[in-house]
């Protein structure tokens, strides 16, 4: 589920993510880790049964 969720999210937000990555204050290692962590927080919206139905668990 996690991989599916991140693929869907990054596909939908591609333009916004590109804008963030091209910002002068975006630092590849540190900023990327914070961004990925923030994006993953959205997974918590889905209940376990929904995650299993959509992507097989996780």
PDB file of N, CA and C in Angstrom:
ATOM      1  N   UNK A   1       0.821  -1.198   0.000  1.00  0.00           N
ATOM      2  CA  UNK A   1       0.000   0.000   0.000  1.00  0.00           C
ATOM      3  C   UNK A   1       0.862   1.257   0.000  1.00  0.00           C
ATOM      4  N   UNK A   2       1.919   1.252   0.793  1.00  0.00           N
ATOM      5  CA  UNK A   2       2.775   2.438   0.902  1.00  0.00           C
ATOM      6  C   UNK A   2       3.333   2.865  -0.447  1.00  0.00           C
ATOM      7  N   UNK A   3       3.825   1.897  -1.196  1.00  0.00           N
ATOM      8  CA  UNK A   3       4.384   2.228  -2.514  1.00  0.00           C
ATOM      9  C   UNK A   3       3.310   2.766  -3.452  1.00  0.00           C
ATOM     10  N   UNK A   4       2.151   2.112  -3.450  1.00  0.00           N
ATOM     11  CA  UNK A   4       1.048   2.574  -4.292  1.00  0.00           C
ATOM     12  C   UNK A   4       0.643   3.992  -3.902  1.00  0.00           C
ATOM     13  N   UNK A   5       0.494   4.223  -2.605  1.00  0.00           N
ATOM     14  CA  UNK A   5       0.068   5.526  -2.108  1.00  0.00           C
ATOM     15  C   UNK A   5       1.052   6.622  -2.532  1.00  0.00           C
ATOM     16  N   UNK A   6       2.339   6.384  -2.344  1.00  0.00           N
ATOM     17  CA  UNK A   6       3.328   7.405  -2.722  1.00  0.00           C
ATOM     18  C   UNK A   6       3.357   7.636  -4.229  1.00  0.00           C
ATOM     19  N   UNK A   7       3.200   6.575  -5.014  1.00  0.00           N
ATOM     20  CA  UNK A   7       3.156   6.753  -6.479  1.00  0.00           C
ATOM     21  C   UNK A   7       1.968   7.615  -6.884  1.00  0.00           C
ATOM     22  N   UNK A   8       0.798   7.325  -6.320  1.00  0.00           N
ATOM     23  CA  UNK A   8      -0.399   8.106  -6.635  1.00  0.00           C
ATOM     24  C   UNK A   8      -0.233   9.562  -6.206  1.00  0.00           C
ATOM     25  N   UNK A   9       0.255   9.747  -5.009  1.00  0.00           N
ATOM     26  CA  UNK A   9       0.408  11.088  -4.461  1.00  0.00           C
ATOM     27  C   UNK A   9       1.408  11.909  -5.266  1.00  0.00           C
ATOM     28  N   UNK A  10       2.558  11.329  -5.561  1.00  0.00           N
ATOM     29  CA  UNK A  10       3.567  12.078  -6.311  1.00  0.00           C
ATOM     30  C   UNK A  10       3.124  12.338  -7.746  1.00  0.00           C
ATOM     31  N   UNK A  11       2.319  11.446  -8.296  1.00  0.00           N
ATOM     32  CA  UNK A  11       1.784  11.678  -9.637  1.00  0.00           C
ATOM     33  C   UNK A  11       0.828  12.868  -9.633  1.00  0.00           C
ATOM     34  N   UNK A  12      -0.056  12.899  -8.651  1.00  0.00           N
ATOM     35  CA  UNK A  12      -1.033  13.988  -8.549  1.00  0.00           C
ATOM     36  C   UNK A  12      -0.383  15.331  -8.212  1.00  0.00           C
ATOM     37  N   UNK A  13       0.682  15.296  -7.443  1.00  0.00           N
ATOM     38  CA  UNK A  13       1.320  16.534  -6.972  1.00  0.00           C
ATOM     39  C   UNK A  13       2.629  16.840  -7.697  1.00  0.00           C
ATOM     40  N   UNK A  14       2.831  16.241  -8.857  1.00  0.00           N
ATOM     41  CA  UNK A  14       4.107  16.352  -9.562  1.00  0.00           C
ATOM     42  C   UNK A  14       4.566  17.794  -9.761  1.00  0.00           C
ATOM     43  N   UNK A  15       3.702  18.656 -10.231  1.00  0.00           N
ATOM     44  CA  UNK A  15       4.096  20.048 -10.480  1.00  0.00           C
ATOM     45  C   UNK A  15       4.487  20.757  -9.186  1.00  0.00           C
ATOM     46  N   UNK A  16       3.718  20.537  -8.138  1.00  0.00           N
ATOM     47  CA  UNK A  16       4.027  21.161  -6.846  1.00  0.00           C
ATOM     48  C   UNK A  16       5.344  20.636  -6.279  1.00  0.00           C
ATOM     49  N   UNK A  17       5.577  19.340  -6.420  1.00  0.00           N
ATOM     50  CA  UNK A  17       6.819  18.757  -5.916  1.00  0.00           C
ATOM     51  C   UNK A  17       8.024  19.271  -6.698  1.00  0.00           C
ATOM     52  N   UNK A  18       7.881  19.422  -8.002  1.00  0.00           N
ATOM     53  CA  UNK A  18       8.962  19.993  -8.811  1.00  0.00           C
ATOM     54  C   UNK A  18       9.286  21.412  -8.366  1.00  0.00           C
ATOM     55  N   UNK A  19       8.249  22.179  -8.076  1.00  0.00           N
ATOM     56  CA  UNK A  19       8.454  23.548  -7.611  1.00  0.00           C
ATOM     57  C   UNK A  19       9.194  23.562  -6.272  1.00  0.00           C
ATOM     58  N   UNK A  20       8.808  22.683  -5.379  1.00  0.00           N
ATOM     59  CA  UNK A  20       9.498  22.588  -4.085  1.00  0.00           C
ATOM     60  C   UNK A  20      10.962  22.216  -4.263  1.00  0.00           C
ATOM     61  N   UNK A  21      11.216  21.211  -5.091  1.00  0.00           N
ATOM     62  CA  UNK A  21      12.598  20.742  -5.285  1.00  0.00           C
ATOM     63  C   UNK A  21      13.480  21.788  -5.942  1.00  0.00           C
ATOM     64  N   UNK A  22      12.902  22.681  -6.718  1.00  0.00           N
ATOM     65  CA  UNK A  22      13.713  23.699  -7.389  1.00  0.00           C
ATOM     66  C   UNK A  22      13.885  24.963  -6.549  1.00  0.00           C
ATOM     67  N   UNK A  23      13.279  24.997  -5.371  1.00  0.00           N
ATOM     68  CA  UNK A  23      13.411  26.167  -4.491  1.00  0.00           C
ATOM     69  C   UNK A  23      14.845  26.283  -3.976  1.00  0.00           C
ATOM     70  N   UNK A  24      15.299  27.499  -3.797  1.00  0.00           N
ATOM     71  CA  UNK A  24      16.682  27.727  -3.376  1.00  0.00           C
ATOM     72  C   UNK A  24      16.973  27.196  -1.976  1.00  0.00           C
ATOM     73  N   UNK A  25      15.957  27.073  -1.149  1.00  0.00           N
ATOM     74  CA  UNK A  25      16.185  26.585   0.212  1.00  0.00           C
ATOM     75  C   UNK A  25      15.910  25.085   0.369  1.00  0.00           C
ATOM     76  N   UNK A  26      15.761  24.380  -0.746  1.00  0.00           N
ATOM     77  CA  UNK A  26      15.564  22.929  -0.704  1.00  0.00           C
ATOM     78  C   UNK A  26      16.927  22.266  -0.719  1.00  0.00           C
ATOM     79  N   UNK A  27      17.205  21.470   0.304  1.00  0.00           N
ATOM     80  CA  UNK A  27      18.483  20.754   0.413  1.00  0.00           C
ATOM     81  C   UNK A  27      18.211  19.271   0.184  1.00  0.00           C
ATOM     82  N   UNK A  28      18.871  18.724  -0.827  1.00  0.00           N
ATOM     83  CA  UNK A  28      18.563  17.372  -1.308  1.00  0.00           C
ATOM     84  C   UNK A  28      18.390  16.338  -0.201  1.00  0.00           C
ATOM     85  N   UNK A  29      19.333  16.188   0.679  1.00  0.00           N
ATOM     86  CA  UNK A  29      19.236  15.149   1.702  1.00  0.00           C
ATOM     87  C   UNK A  29      18.216  15.453   2.769  1.00  0.00           C
ATOM     88  N   UNK A  30      18.415  16.551   3.453  1.00  0.00           N
ATOM     89  CA  UNK A  30      17.575  16.915   4.598  1.00  0.00           C
ATOM     90  C   UNK A  30      16.139  17.237   4.187  1.00  0.00           C
ATOM     91  N   UNK A  31      15.973  18.092   3.207  1.00  0.00           N
ATOM     92  CA  UNK A  31      14.630  18.505   2.787  1.00  0.00           C
ATOM     93  C   UNK A  31      13.845  17.343   2.186  1.00  0.00           C
ATOM     94  N   UNK A  32      14.530  16.492   1.447  1.00  0.00           N
ATOM     95  CA  UNK A  32      13.857  15.351   0.832  1.00  0.00           C
ATOM     96  C   UNK A  32      13.329  14.396   1.898  1.00  0.00           C
ATOM     97  N   UNK A  33      14.121  14.155   2.927  1.00  0.00           N
ATOM     98  CA  UNK A  33      13.684  13.274   4.011  1.00  0.00           C
ATOM     99  C   UNK A  33      12.445  13.838   4.709  1.00  0.00           C
ATOM    100  N   UNK A  34      12.439  15.132   4.955  1.00  0.00           N
ATOM    101  CA  UNK A  34      11.287  15.775   5.599  1.00  0.00           C
ATOM    102  C   UNK A  34      10.066  15.691   4.687  1.00  0.00           C
ATOM    103  N   UNK A  35      10.261  15.925   3.402  1.00  0.00           N
ATOM    104  CA  UNK A  35       9.157  15.874   2.444  1.00  0.00           C
ATOM    105  C   UNK A  35       8.545  14.474   2.371  1.00  0.00           C
ATOM    106  N   UNK A  36       9.383  13.457   2.265  1.00  0.00           N
ATOM    107  CA  UNK A  36       8.886  12.081   2.197  1.00  0.00           C
ATOM    108  C   UNK A  36       8.137  11.726   3.482  1.00  0.00           C
ATOM    109  N   UNK A  37       8.684  12.106   4.613  1.00  0.00           N
ATOM    110  CA  UNK A  37       8.017  11.844   5.893  1.00  0.00           C
ATOM    111  C   UNK A  37       6.635  12.508   5.923  1.00  0.00           C
ATOM    112  N   UNK A  38       6.571  13.743   5.483  1.00  0.00           N
ATOM    113  CA  UNK A  38       5.299  14.472   5.475  1.00  0.00           C
ATOM    114  C   UNK A  38       4.287  13.815   4.536  1.00  0.00           C
ATOM    115  N   UNK A  39       4.733  13.391   3.369  1.00  0.00           N
ATOM    116  CA  UNK A  39       3.827  12.747   2.416  1.00  0.00           C
ATOM    117  C   UNK A  39       3.294  11.424   2.961  1.00  0.00           C
ATOM    118  N   UNK A  40       4.147  10.682   3.644  1.00  0.00           N
ATOM    119  CA  UNK A  40       3.734   9.388   4.204  1.00  0.00           C
ATOM    120  C   UNK A  40       2.689   9.535   5.312  1.00  0.00           C
ATOM    121  N   UNK A  41       2.619  10.683   5.938  1.00  0.00           N
ATOM    122  CA  UNK A  41       1.648  10.878   7.009  1.00  0.00           C
ATOM    123  C   UNK A  41       0.215  10.716   6.511  1.00  0.00           C
ATOM    124  N   UNK A  42      -0.003  10.973   5.239  1.00  0.00           N
ATOM    125  CA  UNK A  42      -1.335  10.829   4.669  1.00  0.00           C
ATOM    126  C   UNK A  42      -1.851   9.399   4.660  1.00  0.00           C
ATOM    127  N   UNK A  43      -0.949   8.429   4.752  1.00  0.00           N
ATOM    128  CA  UNK A  43      -1.362   7.027   4.791  1.00  0.00           C
ATOM    129  C   UNK A  43      -2.238   6.739   6.000  1.00  0.00           C
ATOM    130  N   UNK A  44      -2.030   7.476   7.051  1.00  0.00           N
ATOM    131  CA  UNK A  44      -2.755   7.233   8.302  1.00  0.00           C
ATOM    132  C   UNK A  44      -4.252   7.512   8.179  1.00  0.00           C
ATOM    133  N   UNK A  45      -4.642   8.189   7.132  1.00  0.00           N
ATOM    134  CA  UNK A  45      -6.057   8.488   6.910  1.00  0.00           C
ATOM    135  C   UNK A  45      -6.832   7.203   6.601  1.00  0.00           C
ATOM    136  N   UNK A  46      -6.149   6.238   6.013  1.00  0.00           N
ATOM    137  CA  UNK A  46      -6.782   4.996   5.594  1.00  0.00           C
ATOM    138  C   UNK A  46      -6.773   3.969   6.723  1.00  0.00           C
ATOM    139  N   UNK A  47      -7.914   3.348   6.950  1.00  0.00           N
ATOM    140  CA  UNK A  47      -7.991   2.269   7.930  1.00  0.00           C
ATOM    141  C   UNK A  47      -7.323   1.019   7.368  1.00  0.00           C
ATOM    142  N   UNK A  48      -6.962   0.118   8.259  1.00  0.00           N
ATOM    143  CA  UNK A  48      -6.259  -1.099   7.856  1.00  0.00           C
ATOM    144  C   UNK A  48      -7.009  -1.864   6.760  1.00  0.00           C
ATOM    145  N   UNK A  49      -8.316  -2.012   6.895  1.00  0.00           N
ATOM    146  CA  UNK A  49      -9.096  -2.735   5.876  1.00  0.00           C
ATOM    147  C   UNK A  49      -9.007  -2.056   4.515  1.00  0.00           C
ATOM    148  N   UNK A  50      -9.022  -0.733   4.513  1.00  0.00           N
ATOM    149  CA  UNK A  50      -8.906   0.000   3.245  1.00  0.00           C
ATOM    150  C   UNK A  50      -7.530  -0.223   2.629  1.00  0.00           C
ATOM    151  N   UNK A  51      -6.489  -0.164   3.451  1.00  0.00           N
ATOM    152  CA  UNK A  51      -5.128  -0.384   2.943  1.00  0.00           C
ATOM    153  C   UNK A  51      -4.988  -1.783   2.363  1.00  0.00           C
ATOM    154  N   UNK A  52      -5.552  -2.774   3.047  1.00  0.00           N
ATOM    155  CA  UNK A  52      -5.480  -4.152   2.554  1.00  0.00           C
ATOM    156  C   UNK A  52      -6.242  -4.313   1.246  1.00  0.00           C
ATOM    157  N   UNK A  53      -7.404  -3.690   1.159  1.00  0.00           N
ATOM    158  CA  UNK A  53      -8.219  -3.785  -0.061  1.00  0.00           C
ATOM    159  C   UNK A  53      -7.516  -3.121  -1.239  1.00  0.00           C
ATOM    160  N   UNK A  54      -6.902  -1.979  -0.983  1.00  0.00           N
ATOM    161  CA  UNK A  54      -6.267  -1.212  -2.057  1.00  0.00           C
ATOM    162  C   UNK A  54      -4.928  -1.792  -2.457  1.00  0.00           C
ATOM    163  N   UNK A  55      -4.089  -2.066  -1.456  1.00  0.00           N
ATOM    164  CA  UNK A  55      -2.729  -2.435  -1.809  1.00  0.00           C
ATOM    165  C   UNK A  55      -2.145  -3.629  -1.109  1.00  0.00           C
ATOM    166  N   UNK A  56      -2.954  -4.422  -0.484  1.00  0.00           N
ATOM    167  CA  UNK A  56      -2.450  -5.654   0.087  1.00  0.00           C
ATOM    168  C   UNK A  56      -1.827  -5.543   1.461  1.00  0.00           C
ATOM    169  N   UNK A  57      -2.106  -4.503   2.212  1.00  0.00           N
ATOM    170  CA  UNK A  57      -1.603  -4.442   3.584  1.00  0.00           C
ATOM    171  C   UNK A  57      -0.912  -3.156   3.917  1.00  0.00           C
ATOM    172  N   UNK A  58       0.053  -3.278   4.852  1.00  0.00           N
ATOM    173  CA  UNK A  58       0.892  -2.183   5.285  1.00  0.00           C
ATOM    174  C   UNK A  58       0.180  -1.097   5.909  1.00  0.00           C
TER     175      UNK A  58
END
